[in-house]
Amino acid sequence: MLESMTGFGSAESVKDGVHVVAEVRSVNNRFAEISVKLPRQFSSYELDVREQIRSCLQRGKVSAFVQVKLDEEKQIPITVNREKTRALRELLDIVRKEAGIESPLTLDHLLRFSEIFDSDSTLLEKTDEIWPFVREVLHEAIDGMKKMRFQEGEELAKDFMGRIASINDTLEEIQVLSRNNVSAVHQRLSEKIAVIAGDQVAYSRERLEMELVLMSDKLDITEECTRFASHNKFFIDEMMNSESGSGRKLNFLLQEQLREANTIASKSQNADISQKVVHIKEELEKIREQLQNIE
């Protein structure tokens, strides 16, 4: 199905005292334009975020926002650095033995060294350890955005199918009108010639018939109607079996449909057919406006 370029996704999670919030939103754009806002500590990962988003879409103006902070429900604003604590304990044991001190090592001795504790800022500076978790939350937000883009694309597809069905119905009405159009034009032309020539002016009946045959060929819109119906079929097929980037193909088909509509109106020389074509062009214009939001 179709994918819209409008979408929004958000995700939020807490792990090991770290609270991550990610939001990703996109709107329509001719190309892929991505802006990223990360905390200062994670600015080096901006390229990673861009690549993660770019792998999921081809077009759209995308804004990604990531916030990383300590969990507000965390009871203690500092954490124990286990590696430094073990190393310090081993060092104090060596000092105690070398100094010939027989009293055992106590907690009070360790608490004299602030190095065994990490503050809030120290915890958030461990970007290499935190980034995999941040990336996971961001991926969840991107999935949410993609889901919304597909949902909106599905709604647009329903609208397109309804309008294409209306155009096909109008084309059938035009073809019915065109069957009688040639004879009607013949009749009008013959009546005009009769009024102008009257009984006193001689004219070639064979030449008149030849002109009528040539006019019939010019008035025939069967080929245009057939091509138009074919474009409609391809439009539906492309829409139902669409892949990423199908918006450009659908825009091309829309241009061809509009070209056929203009040709039908100009060739038919019929007010009723021209009125039907106006309805078709109105439907095509509505489709064109919606197609601007399809990837």
Protein backbone atom coordinates (compact mmCIF):
# COMPACT_ATOMS: atom_id res chain seq x y z
CA MET A 1 0.00 0.00 0.00
CA LEU A 2 0.89 3.65 -0.21
CA GLU A 3 3.01 5.43 2.37
CA SER A 4 2.28 9.01 3.33
CA MET A 5 5.09 11.41 4.17
CA THR A 6 3.22 12.65 7.24
CA GLY A 7 3.82 10.73 10.44
CA PHE A 8 4.74 10.94 14.10
CA GLY A 9 6.30 8.41 16.45
CA SER A 10 7.47 8.56 20.05
CA ALA A 11 9.00 6.15 22.53
CA GLU A 12 10.09 6.35 26.14
CA SER A 13 11.94 3.89 28.35
CA VAL A 14 14.02 3.64 31.55
CA LYS A 15 16.97 1.31 32.06
CA ASP A 16 19.71 1.23 34.72
CA GLY A 17 18.68 4.66 36.00
CA VAL A 18 18.74 6.27 32.54
CA HIS A 19 15.51 7.77 31.13
CA VAL A 20 15.34 8.13 27.34
CA VAL A 21 12.62 9.96 25.36
CA ALA A 22 12.62 9.94 21.54
CA GLU A 23 10.29 11.68 19.09
CA VAL A 24 10.35 11.49 15.29
CA ARG A 25 8.02 13.42 13.00
CA SER A 26 7.87 13.86 9.23
CA VAL A 27 6.02 16.03 6.71
CA ASN A 28 5.99 16.09 2.92
CA ASN A 29 9.06 17.22 1.00
CA ARG A 30 10.47 16.58 -2.46
CA PHE A 31 13.60 14.97 -1.04
CA ALA A 32 14.79 13.37 2.20
CA GLU A 33 15.65 16.19 4.59
CA ILE A 34 16.62 15.07 8.11
CA SER A 35 17.32 17.22 11.15
CA VAL A 36 18.53 15.70 14.45
CA LYS A 37 18.61 17.14 17.95
CA LEU A 38 20.66 15.13 20.47
CA PRO A 39 22.05 15.86 23.94
CA ARG A 40 25.53 17.38 23.88
CA GLN A 41 27.16 14.16 25.11
CA PHE A 42 25.72 12.20 22.16
CA SER A 43 26.39 14.69 19.36
CA SER A 44 28.94 12.30 17.83
CA TYR A 45 26.12 9.85 17.11
CA GLU A 46 24.18 12.23 14.86
CA LEU A 47 25.35 10.46 11.70
CA ASP A 48 24.17 7.15 13.12
CA VAL A 49 20.71 8.62 13.73
CA ARG A 50 20.56 10.05 10.21
CA GLU A 51 21.48 6.71 8.66
CA GLN A 52 18.94 4.93 10.83
CA ILE A 53 16.17 7.25 9.57
CA ARG A 54 17.37 7.34 5.96
CA SER A 55 17.26 3.54 5.76
CA CYS A 56 13.50 3.67 6.44
CA LEU A 57 12.35 6.31 3.93
CA GLN A 58 13.17 8.00 0.66
CA ARG A 59 11.33 11.31 0.91
CA GLY A 60 10.04 13.62 3.59
CA LYS A 61 11.22 16.34 5.96
CA VAL A 62 12.04 14.48 9.17
CA SER A 63 12.83 15.90 12.60
CA ALA A 64 14.26 13.66 15.33
CA PHE A 65 14.51 14.69 18.98
CA VAL A 66 16.22 12.59 21.67
CA GLN A 67 16.40 13.41 25.37
CA VAL A 68 18.58 11.46 27.82
CA LYS A 69 18.38 12.10 31.57
CA LEU A 70 18.52 10.29 34.87
CA ASP A 71 15.40 8.53 36.05
CA GLU A 72 13.49 10.86 38.37
CA GLU A 73 12.42 7.90 40.50
CA LYS A 74 16.00 6.99 41.23
CA GLN A 75 16.48 7.16 45.03
CA ILE A 76 20.18 8.01 45.17
CA PRO A 77 21.72 10.67 42.91
CA ILE A 78 25.06 8.82 42.80
CA THR A 79 26.17 5.29 41.92
CA VAL A 80 29.05 3.10 43.02
CA ASN A 81 31.86 2.58 40.55
CA ARG A 82 32.48 -1.11 41.10
CA GLU A 83 35.75 -1.28 39.21
CA LYS A 84 37.32 1.58 41.17
CA THR A 85 36.01 0.18 44.46
CA ARG A 86 37.63 -3.22 43.85
CA ALA A 87 40.89 -1.63 42.76
CA LEU A 88 40.96 0.65 45.81
CA ARG A 89 40.27 -2.23 48.18
CA GLU A 90 43.14 -4.23 46.70
CA LEU A 91 45.41 -1.19 46.97
CA LEU A 92 44.52 -0.60 50.62
CA ASP A 93 45.12 -4.28 51.41
CA ILE A 94 48.62 -3.98 49.93
CA VAL A 95 49.28 -0.80 51.94
CA ARG A 96 48.03 -2.46 55.16
CA LYS A 97 50.28 -5.47 54.65
CA GLU A 98 53.34 -3.41 53.67
CA ALA A 99 52.85 -1.18 56.70
CA GLY A 100 52.42 -4.16 59.02
CA ILE A 101 48.96 -3.10 60.12
CA GLU A 102 47.01 -6.05 61.45
CA SER A 103 43.61 -4.34 61.83
CA PRO A 104 41.17 -5.28 59.10
CA LEU A 105 40.07 -2.99 56.30
CA THR A 106 36.69 -1.35 57.08
CA LEU A 107 34.03 0.50 55.14
CA ASP A 108 35.08 3.73 56.82
CA HIS A 109 38.47 3.47 55.12
CA LEU A 110 36.85 3.13 51.67
CA LEU A 111 34.41 5.97 52.19
CA ARG A 112 37.33 8.37 52.58
CA PHE A 113 37.87 8.09 48.79
CA SER A 114 35.25 9.87 46.67
CA GLU A 115 36.58 8.23 43.51
CA ILE A 116 34.51 5.13 44.18
CA PHE A 117 31.31 7.11 43.46
CA ASP A 118 29.95 8.35 40.16
CA SER A 119 27.75 11.45 40.15
CA ASP A 120 24.79 12.02 37.81
CA SER A 121 26.92 13.79 35.24
CA THR A 122 29.47 11.00 35.32
CA LEU A 123 26.78 8.42 34.63
CA LEU A 124 25.48 10.30 31.58
CA GLU A 125 29.00 10.75 30.25
CA LYS A 126 29.24 6.99 29.66
CA THR A 127 27.88 7.43 26.15
CA ASP A 128 29.37 4.22 24.76
CA GLU A 129 27.47 2.20 27.34
CA ILE A 130 24.22 4.16 27.09
CA TRP A 131 24.00 4.64 23.30
CA PRO A 132 22.80 1.08 22.42
CA PHE A 133 19.84 1.65 24.74
CA VAL A 134 19.19 5.12 23.27
CA ARG A 135 19.34 3.69 19.76
CA GLU A 136 16.81 1.01 20.69
CA VAL A 137 14.34 3.62 21.96
CA LEU A 138 14.89 5.75 18.84
CA HIS A 139 14.21 2.74 16.62
CA GLU A 140 10.90 2.22 18.41
CA ALA A 141 9.95 5.86 17.73
CA ILE A 142 10.86 5.48 14.03
CA ASP A 143 8.70 2.35 13.81
CA GLY A 144 5.81 4.36 15.26
CA MET A 145 6.29 7.08 12.66
CA LYS A 146 6.40 4.53 9.83
CA LYS A 147 3.23 2.87 11.13
CA MET A 148 1.39 6.20 11.09
CA ARG A 149 2.71 6.97 7.58
CA PHE A 150 1.32 3.67 6.30
CA GLN A 151 -2.01 4.22 8.05
CA GLU A 152 -2.43 7.61 6.42
CA GLY A 153 -1.29 6.15 3.10
CA GLU A 154 -4.02 3.53 3.39
CA GLU A 155 -6.66 6.23 3.91
CA LEU A 156 -5.35 8.18 0.91
CA ALA A 157 -5.47 5.01 -1.20
CA LYS A 158 -9.16 4.59 -0.37
CA ASP A 159 -9.80 8.16 -1.46
CA PHE A 160 -7.86 7.62 -4.72
CA MET A 161 -9.77 4.45 -5.52
CA GLY A 162 -13.09 6.23 -5.04
CA ARG A 163 -12.07 9.07 -7.32
CA ILE A 164 -10.65 6.77 -10.01
CA ALA A 165 -13.92 4.79 -9.93
CA SER A 166 -15.83 8.05 -10.43
CA ILE A 167 -13.56 8.96 -13.37
CA ASN A 168 -14.12 5.54 -14.97
CA ASP A 169 -17.89 5.96 -14.65
CA THR A 170 -17.67 9.37 -16.28
CA LEU A 171 -15.53 7.96 -19.09
CA GLU A 172 -18.23 5.40 -19.83
CA GLU A 173 -20.79 8.21 -20.00
CA ILE A 174 -18.50 10.11 -22.38
CA GLN A 175 -18.17 7.08 -24.64
CA VAL A 176 -21.97 6.77 -24.81
CA LEU A 177 -22.26 10.44 -25.73
CA SER A 178 -19.48 10.14 -28.33
CA ARG A 179 -21.37 7.43 -30.25
CA ASN A 180 -24.06 9.94 -31.16
CA ASN A 181 -21.68 12.89 -31.36
CA VAL A 182 -20.47 12.23 -34.91
CA SER A 183 -23.99 11.95 -36.34
CA ALA A 184 -25.03 15.08 -34.45
CA VAL A 185 -22.11 17.07 -35.86
CA HIS A 186 -22.90 15.74 -39.34
CA GLN A 187 -26.46 16.88 -38.97
CA ARG A 188 -25.45 20.36 -37.79
CA LEU A 189 -22.95 20.76 -40.64
CA SER A 190 -25.43 19.58 -43.27
CA GLU A 191 -28.04 22.00 -41.95
CA LYS A 192 -25.59 24.90 -42.05
CA ILE A 193 -24.57 24.09 -45.62
CA ALA A 194 -28.19 23.84 -46.66
CA VAL A 195 -28.95 27.23 -45.10
CA ILE A 196 -25.94 28.90 -46.71
CA ALA A 197 -26.15 27.26 -50.14
CA GLY A 198 -29.91 27.05 -50.45
CA ASP A 199 -31.35 25.78 -53.69
CA GLN A 200 -29.55 28.27 -55.94
CA VAL A 201 -25.92 27.38 -55.09
CA ALA A 202 -24.46 24.16 -56.39
CA TYR A 203 -21.96 22.19 -54.29
CA SER A 204 -20.29 18.82 -54.57
CA ARG A 205 -22.11 16.18 -52.58
CA GLU A 206 -19.06 13.90 -52.82
CA ARG A 207 -16.81 16.64 -51.41
CA LEU A 208 -19.26 17.12 -48.55
CA GLU A 209 -19.20 13.43 -47.75
CA MET A 210 -15.40 13.42 -47.83
CA GLU A 211 -15.30 16.35 -45.40
CA LEU A 212 -17.73 14.54 -43.13
CA VAL A 213 -15.52 11.44 -43.12
CA LEU A 214 -12.46 13.51 -42.23
CA MET A 215 -14.41 15.25 -39.49
CA SER A 216 -15.57 11.90 -38.13
CA ASP A 217 -11.97 10.82 -37.75
CA LYS A 218 -11.11 14.04 -35.93
CA LEU A 219 -14.10 13.71 -33.63
CA ASP A 220 -13.38 10.09 -32.71
CA ILE A 221 -12.19 9.91 -29.07
CA THR A 222 -12.24 6.13 -28.73
CA GLU A 223 -8.44 5.91 -28.64
CA GLU A 224 -8.18 8.59 -25.97
CA CYS A 225 -10.84 6.96 -23.80
CA THR A 226 -9.08 3.60 -24.10
CA ARG A 227 -5.73 5.07 -23.10
CA PHE A 228 -7.35 6.96 -20.24
CA ALA A 229 -8.93 3.76 -18.90
CA SER A 230 -5.55 2.04 -19.22
CA HIS A 231 -3.86 4.80 -17.21
CA ASN A 232 -6.54 4.42 -14.54
CA LYS A 233 -5.86 0.69 -14.33
CA PHE A 234 -2.10 1.21 -14.04
CA PHE A 235 -2.71 3.85 -11.37
CA ILE A 236 -4.68 1.38 -9.24
CA ASP A 237 -2.16 -1.43 -9.84
CA GLU A 238 0.77 0.80 -8.88
CA MET A 239 -1.08 2.00 -5.81
CA MET A 240 -2.00 -1.49 -4.60
CA ASN A 241 1.46 -2.96 -5.26
CA SER A 242 3.39 0.15 -4.38
CA GLU A 243 6.88 0.21 -2.95
CA SER A 244 8.76 3.07 -1.38
CA GLY A 245 8.99 6.03 -3.73
CA SER A 246 5.84 5.23 -5.74
CA GLY A 247 4.61 8.83 -5.46
CA ARG A 248 6.74 9.88 -8.44
CA LYS A 249 5.30 7.12 -10.63
CA LEU A 250 1.75 8.03 -9.68
CA ASN A 251 2.45 11.69 -10.47
CA PHE A 252 3.63 10.70 -13.93
CA LEU A 253 0.46 8.66 -14.56
CA LEU A 254 -1.62 11.59 -13.35
CA GLN A 255 -0.01 13.85 -15.95
CA GLU A 256 -0.88 11.36 -18.67
CA GLN A 257 -4.48 11.16 -17.44
CA LEU A 258 -4.78 14.94 -17.55
CA ARG A 259 -3.34 15.01 -21.08
CA GLU A 260 -5.96 12.51 -22.29
CA ALA A 261 -8.74 14.50 -20.62
CA ASN A 262 -7.67 17.69 -22.40
CA THR A 263 -7.49 15.87 -25.74
CA ILE A 264 -10.98 14.40 -25.29
CA ALA A 265 -12.42 17.84 -24.54
CA SER A 266 -10.73 19.50 -27.53
CA LYS A 267 -11.61 16.78 -30.06
CA SER A 268 -15.21 16.09 -29.09
CA GLN A 269 -16.66 19.56 -29.89
CA ASN A 270 -19.55 18.61 -27.65
CA ALA A 271 -20.78 20.68 -24.70
CA ASP A 272 -22.04 17.66 -22.74
CA ILE A 273 -18.73 15.82 -23.14
CA SER A 274 -16.79 18.95 -22.19
CA GLN A 275 -18.86 19.22 -19.03
CA LYS A 276 -18.05 15.60 -18.17
CA VAL A 277 -14.36 16.31 -18.74
CA VAL A 278 -14.54 19.23 -16.30
CA HIS A 279 -15.72 16.78 -13.63
CA ILE A 280 -12.84 14.43 -14.49
CA LYS A 281 -10.29 17.24 -14.24
CA GLU A 282 -11.70 18.27 -10.86
CA GLU A 283 -11.18 14.72 -9.58
CA LEU A 284 -7.66 14.61 -11.03
CA GLU A 285 -6.81 17.90 -9.32
CA LYS A 286 -7.96 16.54 -5.96
CA ILE A 287 -5.82 13.43 -6.52
CA ARG A 288 -2.86 15.62 -7.49
CA GLU A 289 -3.11 17.60 -4.27
CA GLN A 290 -3.14 14.42 -2.17
CA LEU A 291 -0.32 12.86 -4.15
CA GLN A 292 2.02 15.59 -2.92
CA ASN A 293 2.01 13.78 0.42
CA ILE A 294 2.81 10.31 -0.94
CA GLU A 295 6.41 9.09 -0.65
